């Protein structure tokens, strides 16, 4: 591989912008993590994540970044890396060195983290665990300005690739989930450097920590990674990612029109205005004079990680806010990517294998409409995650008593935010008890128990009687021997103008007949 670019750091871009931002926004005081109001501290498992994003390409990644910061207390963010991608570099203008399309934009990440610092005190009043602004700024990095694998090679390290290596070498056995919302050449560079400078045994240790969620193949680096390191599990979504707020899914932005324009009217009320300096940075997503649906597809790569009671990213077939994929990796055929937009292909790295998207069938309980498409595994949770975002934006500016907070979904008295694992026999009666569920705002709760057949291996009919009660039961079918059944508990509160949700997944391994 040829050397295409000199070693560089963030110094040239980041430090001047950080000073400019500091002069425009009042900096928040550095402080230890703490809570106030009625929010209580609780230690819980968090997933490690690194996001690769082409900020300032078009507004969807900038929108995504605001939502991500609103969940900074739910995940361990170890990288906020500005990278290239086909959409950014499709507009490159070599004749105009000042063109924003010619380079990556870590300064845009810094600007948003600075705004986060201004609302962190209010966030701490509503929930614990929010990292300091200074911590998040230390996790900002950049990939190369150039595109794809043409920028990867000896001497091409960047601040972003170094940050990735530091995270992988940290004495932490948890996997790192790489949320690839643009190109992945920064991750490819990290792997290139580590393989060159370490033993095969050392390389094997860090390889075991890597998980990749690739949004549509926006450069050819994921193909190279999959080909060179087939042990790394990679899911790729070409369509499902757009189920977040696009692809004609459930209408959840009432009372505004059921259109993309309506989504932006909702956004103006609930995010952009009267919600503090962070919400004010949430841009409109315009193509010319036309509004497009919110956040493109990139939010889907990480949003599942915030919902532990529902989603296990190690089980790609189980589904959750991040969508659902097939358990067997398949060879990726030519054309199932976006890299070709710049005349680049994945062909040199074929064959390579990734987990493909799966399909769900779901009936919207609000409308009775049946959804049965590649987008459904994301769309089915749209009411919950969009209400959740709205509530968290309120946390930026309001006191605990004036906001809504998620209920706690309990299973058989267990109030932890975990997936429940049970073993049962065919014909056994199973007690489902959510009566210990509670709400921090003392709101009224409603309950729903339902099977998630696609997530399990039992293909027969399964129903839960009295599914709207806090306590119910069902019988394991006689034909379910040796299969796995998934039951979802959904707890919904009703207070302060918006309903919030909590989930527990109950995974039942049925013994053979």
Protein backbone atom coordinates (compact mmCIF):
# COMPACT_ATOMS: atom_id res chain seq x y z
CA UNK A 1 0.00 0.00 0.00
CA UNK A 2 1.43 3.37 -0.95
CA UNK A 3 1.95 6.21 1.48
CA UNK A 4 -0.50 8.97 0.59
CA UNK A 5 -0.51 11.50 3.40
CA UNK A 6 1.84 12.78 6.12
CA UNK A 7 1.35 12.14 9.81
CA UNK A 8 -0.90 14.78 11.24
CA UNK A 9 -2.66 15.66 14.45
CA UNK A 10 -5.64 17.72 15.45
CA UNK A 11 -3.49 20.67 16.51
CA UNK A 12 -3.92 22.67 13.32
CA UNK A 13 -7.71 22.41 13.26
CA UNK A 14 -8.81 21.86 16.81
CA UNK A 15 -6.97 24.36 18.96
CA UNK A 16 -7.95 27.53 17.06
CA UNK A 17 -11.58 26.40 16.90
CA UNK A 18 -11.64 25.48 20.58
CA UNK A 19 -10.46 28.98 21.41
CA UNK A 20 -13.07 30.49 19.14
CA UNK A 21 -15.83 28.43 20.70
CA UNK A 22 -14.66 29.35 24.17
CA UNK A 23 -14.94 33.02 23.25
CA UNK A 24 -18.48 32.57 21.94
CA UNK A 25 -19.88 30.33 24.67
CA UNK A 26 -19.47 30.69 28.42
CA UNK A 27 -17.44 27.63 29.46
CA UNK A 28 -18.84 25.39 32.14
CA UNK A 29 -16.72 24.80 35.21
CA UNK A 30 -14.85 21.52 35.39
CA UNK A 31 -16.34 19.37 38.10
CA UNK A 32 -16.50 15.81 39.30
CA UNK A 33 -19.51 13.79 38.22
CA UNK A 34 -22.32 14.27 40.71
CA UNK A 35 -26.07 14.36 41.00
CA UNK A 36 -28.55 16.88 42.29
CA UNK A 37 -32.29 17.26 42.63
CA UNK A 38 -33.94 13.85 42.77
CA UNK A 39 -31.63 12.00 40.40
CA UNK A 40 -29.83 9.16 42.18
CA UNK A 41 -26.47 7.61 41.48
CA UNK A 42 -26.43 3.98 40.40
CA UNK A 43 -23.54 1.92 39.05
CA UNK A 44 -24.45 -0.01 35.92
CA UNK A 45 -22.81 -1.65 32.98
CA UNK A 46 -22.18 0.60 30.01
CA UNK A 47 -21.12 -0.32 26.50
CA UNK A 48 -17.91 1.17 25.11
CA UNK A 49 -18.36 2.94 21.78
CA UNK A 50 -16.49 4.97 19.18
CA UNK A 51 -18.38 6.88 16.50
CA UNK A 52 -16.91 7.70 13.07
CA UNK A 53 -18.85 10.57 11.54
CA UNK A 54 -18.59 12.92 8.54
CA UNK A 55 -19.73 16.01 10.43
CA UNK A 56 -20.42 19.08 8.28
CA UNK A 57 -21.03 16.94 5.21
CA UNK A 58 -24.77 17.48 5.35
CA UNK A 59 -26.91 18.00 8.43
CA UNK A 60 -27.87 14.42 9.30
CA UNK A 61 -24.60 13.60 11.09
CA UNK A 62 -24.72 16.95 12.89
CA UNK A 63 -28.26 16.11 14.01
CA UNK A 64 -27.14 12.65 15.12
CA UNK A 65 -24.32 14.12 17.18
CA UNK A 66 -26.75 16.16 19.29
CA UNK A 67 -28.83 13.06 20.06
CA UNK A 68 -25.68 11.11 20.93
CA UNK A 69 -24.60 13.70 23.48
CA UNK A 70 -28.05 13.43 25.07
CA UNK A 71 -27.17 9.79 25.88
CA UNK A 72 -23.59 10.41 27.03
CA UNK A 73 -24.56 9.13 30.49
CA UNK A 74 -25.75 5.78 29.10
CA UNK A 75 -22.62 4.71 27.18
CA UNK A 76 -18.86 5.00 27.61
CA UNK A 77 -17.87 7.24 24.70
CA UNK A 78 -14.23 6.54 23.84
CA UNK A 79 -14.02 8.25 20.48
CA UNK A 80 -15.77 11.06 18.61
CA UNK A 81 -13.86 10.90 15.35
CA UNK A 82 -14.43 13.13 12.33
CA UNK A 83 -13.86 11.13 9.16
CA UNK A 84 -14.34 11.27 5.44
CA UNK A 85 -17.02 9.47 3.47
CA UNK A 86 -18.51 9.33 0.00
CA UNK A 87 -21.06 12.06 0.71
CA UNK A 88 -18.47 14.49 2.06
CA UNK A 89 -15.98 13.92 -0.73
CA UNK A 90 -18.50 13.83 -3.53
CA UNK A 91 -18.37 17.64 -3.27
CA UNK A 92 -14.58 18.08 -3.11
CA UNK A 93 -13.29 21.17 -4.89
CA UNK A 94 -9.51 20.97 -5.35
CA UNK A 95 -9.52 24.41 -6.98
CA UNK A 96 -10.90 25.94 -3.77
CA UNK A 97 -8.69 25.05 -0.80
CA UNK A 98 -11.13 26.67 1.61
CA UNK A 99 -14.02 24.41 0.60
CA UNK A 100 -15.54 22.58 3.57
CA UNK A 101 -15.89 19.50 1.38
CA UNK A 102 -12.11 19.14 1.13
CA UNK A 103 -11.45 18.11 4.71
CA UNK A 104 -12.86 16.42 7.78
CA UNK A 105 -14.32 18.53 10.59
CA UNK A 106 -13.35 17.73 14.18
CA UNK A 107 -14.03 21.34 15.06
CA UNK A 108 -17.74 20.63 14.60
CA UNK A 109 -17.54 17.92 17.26
CA UNK A 110 -15.77 20.36 19.58
CA UNK A 111 -18.44 23.01 19.05
CA UNK A 112 -21.18 20.61 20.09
CA UNK A 113 -19.28 19.26 23.08
CA UNK A 114 -18.72 22.84 24.29
CA UNK A 115 -22.49 23.40 24.12
CA UNK A 116 -23.04 20.15 26.00
CA UNK A 117 -20.84 21.54 28.74
CA UNK A 118 -23.25 24.45 29.16
CA UNK A 119 -26.25 22.19 29.86
CA UNK A 120 -24.49 19.47 31.87
CA UNK A 121 -25.48 20.95 35.23
CA UNK A 122 -29.15 20.67 34.28
CA UNK A 123 -28.65 17.15 32.94
CA UNK A 124 -27.14 16.11 36.27
CA UNK A 125 -30.29 17.28 38.03
CA UNK A 126 -32.28 14.75 36.01
CA UNK A 127 -29.98 11.71 35.78
CA UNK A 128 -26.53 10.63 36.98
CA UNK A 129 -23.47 9.67 35.01
CA UNK A 130 -22.90 12.57 32.62
CA UNK A 131 -19.20 12.83 31.65
CA UNK A 132 -17.46 16.18 31.89
CA UNK A 133 -17.00 18.37 28.87
CA UNK A 134 -13.25 18.01 29.30
CA UNK A 135 -13.48 14.22 29.13
CA UNK A 136 -15.48 14.32 25.89
CA UNK A 137 -13.13 16.88 24.34
CA UNK A 138 -10.27 14.49 25.05
CA UNK A 139 -12.06 11.89 22.90
CA UNK A 140 -12.34 14.07 19.78
CA UNK A 141 -10.12 12.91 16.93
CA UNK A 142 -9.84 13.04 13.16
CA UNK A 143 -9.21 10.68 10.31
CA UNK A 144 -7.49 11.61 7.06
CA UNK A 145 -8.91 14.27 4.78
CA UNK A 146 -8.68 11.85 1.87
CA UNK A 147 -11.10 9.10 0.96
CA UNK A 148 -11.16 5.38 1.55
CA UNK A 149 -8.28 2.91 1.48
CA UNK A 150 -6.29 5.27 -0.73
CA UNK A 151 -5.31 7.09 2.46
CA UNK A 152 -4.30 4.04 4.50
CA UNK A 153 -0.70 2.92 4.74
CA UNK A 154 2.67 3.36 6.40
CA UNK A 155 3.06 6.84 7.87
CA UNK A 156 -0.61 7.74 7.46
CA UNK A 157 -1.55 7.65 11.15
CA UNK A 158 -3.89 10.38 12.41
CA UNK A 159 -5.12 11.57 15.77
CA UNK A 160 -8.20 9.41 15.22
CA UNK A 161 -6.33 6.19 14.48
CA UNK A 162 -4.09 6.79 17.52
CA UNK A 163 -7.14 7.36 19.72
CA UNK A 164 -8.60 4.05 18.49
CA UNK A 165 -5.40 2.18 19.35
CA UNK A 166 -5.31 3.77 22.81
CA UNK A 167 -8.87 2.63 23.45
CA UNK A 168 -8.18 -0.91 22.25
CA UNK A 169 -5.03 -1.19 24.36
CA UNK A 170 -6.76 0.03 27.51
CA UNK A 171 -6.94 -2.57 30.29
CA UNK A 172 -10.66 -3.09 29.78
CA UNK A 173 -11.97 -6.44 28.57
CA UNK A 174 -15.27 -5.04 27.29
CA UNK A 175 -15.75 -4.93 23.50
CA UNK A 176 -15.70 -1.59 21.69
CA UNK A 177 -18.59 -0.95 19.32
CA UNK A 178 -17.50 1.06 16.30
CA UNK A 179 -20.46 3.02 14.96
CA UNK A 180 -19.45 3.76 11.37
CA UNK A 181 -21.64 6.60 10.11
CA UNK A 182 -19.37 7.51 7.20
CA UNK A 183 -16.07 5.96 6.08
CA UNK A 184 -14.00 3.53 8.14
CA UNK A 185 -10.49 4.32 6.85
CA UNK A 186 -9.53 5.67 10.30
CA UNK A 187 -10.27 2.27 11.87
CA UNK A 188 -8.47 0.58 8.97
CA UNK A 189 -5.39 2.73 9.65
CA UNK A 190 -5.42 1.76 13.32
CA UNK A 191 -5.49 -1.92 12.35
CA UNK A 192 -2.79 -1.39 9.72
CA UNK A 193 -0.48 0.24 12.28
CA UNK A 194 -1.17 -2.25 15.04
CA UNK A 195 -0.54 -5.26 12.82
CA UNK A 196 2.75 -3.77 11.63
CA UNK A 197 4.04 -2.89 15.10
CA UNK A 198 2.85 -5.81 17.24
CA UNK A 199 3.05 -9.57 17.38
CA UNK A 200 0.27 -11.77 16.02
CA UNK A 201 -0.62 -12.65 19.61
CA UNK A 202 -0.97 -8.98 20.58
CA UNK A 203 -3.01 -8.29 17.47
CA UNK A 204 -5.36 -11.17 18.31
CA UNK A 205 -6.09 -9.61 21.71
CA UNK A 206 -7.29 -6.29 20.28
CA UNK A 207 -9.13 -7.93 17.38
CA UNK A 208 -11.34 -9.72 19.91
CA UNK A 209 -12.53 -6.35 21.24
CA UNK A 210 -13.76 -4.92 17.91
CA UNK A 211 -17.38 -4.89 16.76
CA UNK A 212 -18.48 -2.85 13.72
CA UNK A 213 -21.90 -1.50 12.70
CA UNK A 214 -21.48 -0.14 9.17
CA UNK A 215 -23.98 2.32 7.72
CA UNK A 216 -24.21 1.47 4.03
CA UNK A 217 -20.54 1.09 3.09
CA UNK A 218 -19.59 4.75 2.66
CA UNK A 219 -16.00 3.92 1.78
CA UNK A 220 -14.20 0.68 0.93
CA UNK A 221 -12.46 0.36 4.31
CA UNK A 222 -15.10 -1.94 5.89
CA UNK A 223 -14.59 -4.34 2.99
CA UNK A 224 -10.81 -4.29 3.56
CA UNK A 225 -11.29 -4.81 7.31
CA UNK A 226 -13.63 -7.75 6.75
CA UNK A 227 -11.31 -9.32 4.18
CA UNK A 228 -8.12 -8.86 6.23
CA UNK A 229 -9.64 -9.60 9.65
CA UNK A 230 -12.53 -12.03 9.12
CA UNK A 231 -12.75 -12.59 12.89
CA UNK A 232 -14.19 -9.09 13.35
CA UNK A 233 -18.01 -9.22 13.35
CA UNK A 234 -19.45 -6.54 11.06
CA UNK A 235 -23.11 -5.79 10.45
CA UNK A 236 -23.98 -3.67 7.43
CA UNK A 237 -27.29 -1.97 6.89
CA UNK A 238 -28.13 -0.53 3.49
CA UNK A 239 -31.82 0.22 4.18
CA UNK A 240 -32.68 -0.58 7.79
CA UNK A 241 -30.73 2.37 9.16
CA UNK A 242 -33.16 4.72 7.43
CA UNK A 243 -36.03 3.32 9.47
CA UNK A 244 -35.17 5.69 12.33
CA UNK A 245 -37.27 8.57 11.00
CA UNK A 246 -37.54 7.84 7.29
CA UNK A 247 -38.92 5.11 5.03
CA UNK A 248 -42.60 5.96 5.70
CA UNK A 249 -42.68 4.42 9.16
CA UNK A 250 -44.99 5.15 12.11
CA UNK A 251 -46.17 8.74 12.51
CA UNK A 252 -44.93 9.90 15.93
CA UNK A 253 -44.46 13.67 15.58
CA UNK A 254 -48.01 14.80 16.23
CA UNK A 255 -49.65 17.31 15.98
CA UNK A 256 -47.55 18.35 13.01
CA UNK A 257 -48.22 17.03 9.48
CA UNK A 258 -47.29 13.45 8.62
CA UNK A 259 -44.52 14.69 6.33
CA UNK A 260 -40.81 15.49 6.44
CA UNK A 261 -41.81 19.13 6.87
CA UNK A 262 -43.86 18.03 9.89
CA UNK A 263 -40.82 16.34 11.41
CA UNK A 264 -38.95 19.62 11.23
CA UNK A 265 -41.80 21.56 12.81
CA UNK A 266 -41.69 19.04 15.67
CA UNK A 267 -37.94 19.55 15.87
CA UNK A 268 -38.24 23.32 16.05
CA UNK A 269 -40.55 23.04 19.08
CA UNK A 270 -38.89 20.20 20.97
CA UNK A 271 -35.18 20.55 20.17
CA UNK A 272 -34.08 23.73 18.44
CA UNK A 273 -35.86 26.45 20.41
CA UNK A 274 -36.08 27.00 24.17
CA UNK A 275 -33.98 23.91 24.89
CA UNK A 276 -30.61 25.49 25.51
CA UNK A 277 -27.43 25.97 23.49
CA UNK A 278 -27.04 22.30 22.57
CA UNK A 279 -30.51 22.02 21.05
CA UNK A 280 -29.94 25.29 19.20
CA UNK A 281 -27.11 23.60 17.27
CA UNK A 282 -29.44 20.92 15.88
CA UNK A 283 -29.59 21.95 12.20
CA UNK A 284 -32.38 21.75 9.68
CA UNK A 285 -31.85 19.01 7.12
CA UNK A 286 -32.45 20.75 3.84
CA UNK A 287 -31.65 19.72 0.28
CA UNK A 288 -32.12 22.96 -1.56
CA UNK A 289 -35.50 24.15 -0.33
CA UNK A 290 -36.75 20.65 0.55
CA UNK A 291 -36.79 19.26 4.09
CA UNK A 292 -35.69 15.67 4.50
CA UNK A 293 -36.50 13.27 7.34
CA UNK A 294 -34.43 13.61 10.50
CA UNK A 295 -30.96 12.16 11.09
CA UNK A 296 -30.60 10.09 7.94
CA UNK A 297 -29.58 6.62 9.05
CA UNK A 298 -26.57 7.15 11.25
CA UNK A 299 -28.24 7.29 14.69
CA UNK A 300 -29.25 3.65 14.30
CA UNK A 301 -25.62 2.49 14.53
CA UNK A 302 -25.41 3.34 18.24
CA UNK A 303 -28.87 3.94 19.69
CA UNK A 304 -29.44 0.31 20.64
CA UNK A 305 -26.53 0.52 23.09
CA UNK A 306 -28.49 2.80 25.45
CA UNK A 307 -31.27 0.32 26.17
CA UNK A 308 -29.79 -2.57 28.15
CA UNK A 309 -33.04 -4.21 29.16
CA UNK A 310 -34.01 -4.71 25.53
CA UNK A 311 -30.84 -4.90 23.44
CA UNK A 312 -27.76 -7.11 23.54
CA UNK A 313 -25.31 -6.03 20.80
CA UNK A 314 -23.53 -9.37 21.08
CA UNK A 315 -26.72 -11.05 19.83
CA UNK A 316 -27.33 -9.46 16.42
CA UNK A 317 -30.40 -11.65 15.77
CA UNK A 318 -32.25 -10.39 18.86
CA UNK A 319 -33.04 -6.85 17.74
CA UNK A 320 -33.72 -3.60 19.57
CA UNK A 321 -33.50 0.11 18.92
CA UNK A 322 -30.46 -0.53 16.71
CA UNK A 323 -32.29 -2.94 14.40
CA UNK A 324 -31.89 -6.66 13.80
CA UNK A 325 -29.57 -8.75 11.63
CA UNK A 326 -29.10 -12.33 10.52
CA UNK A 327 -26.89 -14.55 12.64
CA UNK A 328 -24.85 -15.99 9.77
CA UNK A 329 -22.43 -13.78 7.92
CA UNK A 330 -22.94 -13.75 4.17
CA UNK A 331 -20.69 -12.79 1.29
CA UNK A 332 -21.41 -9.19 0.31
CA UNK A 333 -22.11 -8.96 -3.41
CA UNK A 334 -20.91 -6.09 -5.55
CA UNK A 335 -23.11 -3.00 -5.52
CA UNK A 336 -24.38 -3.28 -1.94
CA UNK A 337 -22.50 -0.18 -0.83
CA UNK A 338 -22.16 3.55 -1.53
CA UNK A 339 -18.44 3.66 -2.31
CA UNK A 340 -19.05 3.58 -6.06
CA UNK A 341 -20.25 7.18 -5.90
CA UNK A 342 -16.61 8.28 -6.19
CA UNK A 343 -15.56 5.67 -8.70
CA UNK A 344 -14.07 3.47 -5.96
CA UNK A 345 -15.06 -0.15 -5.50
CA UNK A 346 -14.89 -2.89 -2.90
CA UNK A 347 -13.94 -5.42 -5.57
CA UNK A 348 -10.24 -5.72 -4.57
CA UNK A 349 -11.32 -7.06 -1.17
CA UNK A 350 -13.83 -9.65 -2.28
CA UNK A 351 -14.83 -12.06 -1.00
CA UNK A 352 -15.73 -10.55 2.35
CA UNK A 353 -18.55 -11.40 4.73
CA UNK A 354 -20.89 -9.37 6.93
CA UNK A 355 -24.12 -9.91 8.87
CA UNK A 356 -27.01 -8.84 6.59
CA UNK A 357 -30.24 -7.15 7.63
CA UNK A 358 -33.24 -9.12 8.86
CA UNK A 359 -36.99 -8.52 8.46
CA UNK A 360 -39.61 -8.18 11.22
CA UNK A 361 -43.38 -8.33 11.10
CA UNK A 362 -44.99 -5.94 13.57
CA UNK A 363 -48.46 -4.50 14.19
CA UNK A 364 -48.43 -0.90 15.37
CA UNK A 365 -50.57 -0.93 18.56
CA UNK A 366 -51.57 2.71 18.00
CA UNK A 367 -52.95 2.30 14.48
CA UNK A 368 -53.27 -1.44 13.83
CA UNK A 369 -51.13 -1.05 10.71
CA UNK A 370 -48.99 -4.03 9.79
CA UNK A 371 -45.32 -3.45 9.00
CA UNK A 372 -43.34 -6.25 7.40
CA UNK A 373 -40.23 -4.81 5.72
CA UNK A 374 -36.47 -4.48 6.10
CA UNK A 375 -37.09 -1.20 8.02
CA UNK A 376 -39.47 -2.68 10.60
CA UNK A 377 -36.80 -3.85 13.11
CA UNK A 378 -36.02 -0.15 13.73
CA UNK A 379 -39.41 1.42 13.05
CA UNK A 380 -41.22 -0.68 15.66
CA UNK A 381 -39.43 1.27 18.46
CA UNK A 382 -39.90 4.74 16.93
CA UNK A 383 -42.49 6.04 19.41
CA UNK A 384 -40.28 5.04 22.33
CA UNK A 385 -36.96 6.44 21.15
CA UNK A 386 -38.41 9.67 19.79
CA UNK A 387 -40.35 10.36 22.99
CA UNK A 388 -37.17 9.58 24.89
CA UNK A 389 -35.19 12.16 22.90
CA UNK A 390 -37.88 14.78 23.49
CA UNK A 391 -37.82 14.18 27.23
CA UNK A 392 -34.04 14.36 27.44
CA UNK A 393 -34.01 17.69 25.64
CA UNK A 394 -36.29 18.98 28.42
CA UNK A 395 -33.64 17.88 30.91
CA UNK A 396 -31.28 20.47 29.38
CA UNK A 397 -33.31 23.38 30.70
CA UNK A 398 -35.71 22.21 33.41
CA UNK A 399 -35.62 21.01 36.99
CA UNK A 400 -36.28 17.37 37.90
CA UNK A 401 -39.79 18.11 39.16
CA UNK A 402 -40.75 19.70 35.85
CA UNK A 403 -39.54 16.84 33.62
CA UNK A 404 -40.56 13.29 32.85
CA UNK A 405 -38.19 10.39 33.51
CA UNK A 406 -38.25 6.79 32.40
CA UNK A 407 -40.11 4.22 34.46
CA UNK A 408 -38.32 1.19 35.88
CA UNK A 409 -39.41 -2.14 34.42
CA UNK A 410 -39.22 -4.90 37.03
CA UNK A 411 -39.38 -8.61 36.36
CA UNK A 412 -40.30 -10.86 39.29
CA UNK A 413 -39.09 -8.18 41.69
CA UNK A 414 -35.78 -7.56 39.88
CA UNK A 415 -35.48 -3.85 39.01
CA UNK A 416 -32.07 -4.02 37.31
CA UNK A 417 -31.72 -2.84 33.71
CA UNK A 418 -30.81 -6.27 32.35
CA UNK A 419 -32.09 -8.96 30.03
CA UNK A 420 -33.70 -11.87 31.89
CA UNK A 421 -32.58 -15.44 31.10
CA UNK A 422 -34.76 -18.39 32.10
CA UNK A 423 -34.87 -22.13 31.47
CA UNK A 424 -38.18 -23.99 31.16
CA UNK A 425 -39.72 -27.29 30.12
CA UNK A 426 -42.30 -27.85 27.38
CA UNK A 427 -45.75 -27.48 28.93
CA UNK A 428 -44.48 -25.50 31.92
CA UNK A 429 -46.50 -22.51 33.12
CA UNK A 430 -44.39 -19.35 33.30
CA UNK A 431 -45.23 -16.49 35.68
CA UNK A 432 -44.65 -13.01 34.28
CA UNK A 433 -44.69 -10.46 37.07
CA UNK A 434 -43.95 -6.75 36.56
CA UNK A 435 -45.79 -5.54 39.65
CA UNK A 436 -42.61 -4.15 41.24
CA UNK A 437 -42.20 -1.70 38.37
CA UNK A 438 -42.12 1.92 39.45
CA UNK A 439 -41.80 5.45 38.18
CA UNK A 440 -39.51 8.19 39.59
CA UNK A 441 -42.23 10.81 38.95
CA UNK A 442 -44.98 8.67 40.49
CA UNK A 443 -46.76 8.51 37.13
CA UNK A 444 -49.40 5.92 36.30
CA UNK A 445 -47.98 2.89 34.51
CA UNK A 446 -49.40 0.61 31.85
CA UNK A 447 -47.98 -2.76 30.84
CA UNK A 448 -47.66 -4.86 27.73
CA UNK A 449 -46.22 -8.37 27.33
CA UNK A 450 -45.65 -9.67 23.82
CA UNK A 451 -43.57 -12.33 22.04
CA UNK A 452 -40.80 -11.33 19.65
CA UNK A 453 -40.85 -14.43 17.44
CA UNK A 454 -38.14 -13.33 14.97
CA UNK A 455 -35.65 -12.93 17.83
CA UNK A 456 -36.10 -16.51 19.03
CA UNK A 457 -36.00 -19.90 17.34
CA UNK A 458 -39.53 -21.10 18.10
CA UNK A 459 -41.64 -20.57 14.99
CA UNK A 460 -45.01 -21.66 16.36
CA UNK A 461 -47.88 -19.47 17.52
CA UNK A 462 -47.48 -17.99 20.98
CA UNK A 463 -49.81 -15.70 22.89
CA UNK A 464 -49.73 -14.16 26.33
CA UNK A 465 -53.16 -13.96 28.04
CA UNK A 466 -53.98 -10.78 29.96
CA UNK A 467 -51.02 -9.16 28.19
CA UNK A 468 -51.94 -5.69 29.48
CA UNK A 469 -51.74 -6.69 33.14
CA UNK A 470 -48.75 -6.24 35.45
CA UNK A 471 -48.94 -9.92 36.36
CA UNK A 472 -49.84 -12.73 34.00
CA UNK A 473 -48.66 -16.15 32.85
CA UNK A 474 -48.41 -18.34 29.78
CA UNK A 475 -47.68 -21.97 29.04
CA UNK A 476 -44.61 -23.09 27.09
CA UNK A 477 -45.96 -24.90 24.02
CA UNK A 478 -45.31 -28.62 23.90
CA UNK A 479 -43.74 -28.16 20.47
CA UNK A 480 -41.16 -25.65 21.74
CA UNK A 481 -38.69 -28.25 23.06
CA UNK A 482 -35.10 -27.28 22.29
CA UNK A 483 -36.12 -23.82 21.10
CA UNK A 484 -35.71 -20.30 22.44
CA UNK A 485 -38.61 -17.93 23.15
CA UNK A 486 -38.37 -14.16 23.59
CA UNK A 487 -41.01 -12.21 25.53
CA UNK A 488 -40.81 -8.41 25.76
CA UNK A 489 -42.10 -6.51 28.77
CA UNK A 490 -42.93 -2.91 27.87
CA UNK A 491 -43.74 -0.50 30.70
CA UNK A 492 -45.11 2.92 29.77
CA UNK A 493 -45.65 5.91 32.02
CA UNK A 494 -48.29 8.59 31.60
CA UNK A 495 -47.28 11.97 32.90
CA UNK A 496 -46.01 15.46 32.14
CA UNK A 497 -47.30 15.55 28.59
CA UNK A 498 -45.21 12.74 27.11
CA UNK A 499 -45.09 9.00 27.72
CA UNK A 500 -41.77 7.26 28.28
CA UNK A 501 -40.97 3.56 28.04
CA UNK A 502 -38.84 0.94 29.76
CA UNK A 503 -38.17 -2.59 28.55
CA UNK A 504 -37.11 -6.01 29.81
CA UNK A 505 -36.47 -8.86 27.44
CA UNK A 506 -37.21 -12.33 28.84
CA UNK A 507 -35.22 -15.02 27.02
CA UNK A 508 -36.48 -18.54 27.71
CA UNK A 509 -34.40 -21.53 26.67
CA UNK A 510 -36.75 -24.49 26.47
CA UNK A 511 -35.32 -27.88 27.32
CA UNK A 512 -35.59 -30.61 24.68
CA UNK A 513 -38.63 -32.88 24.79
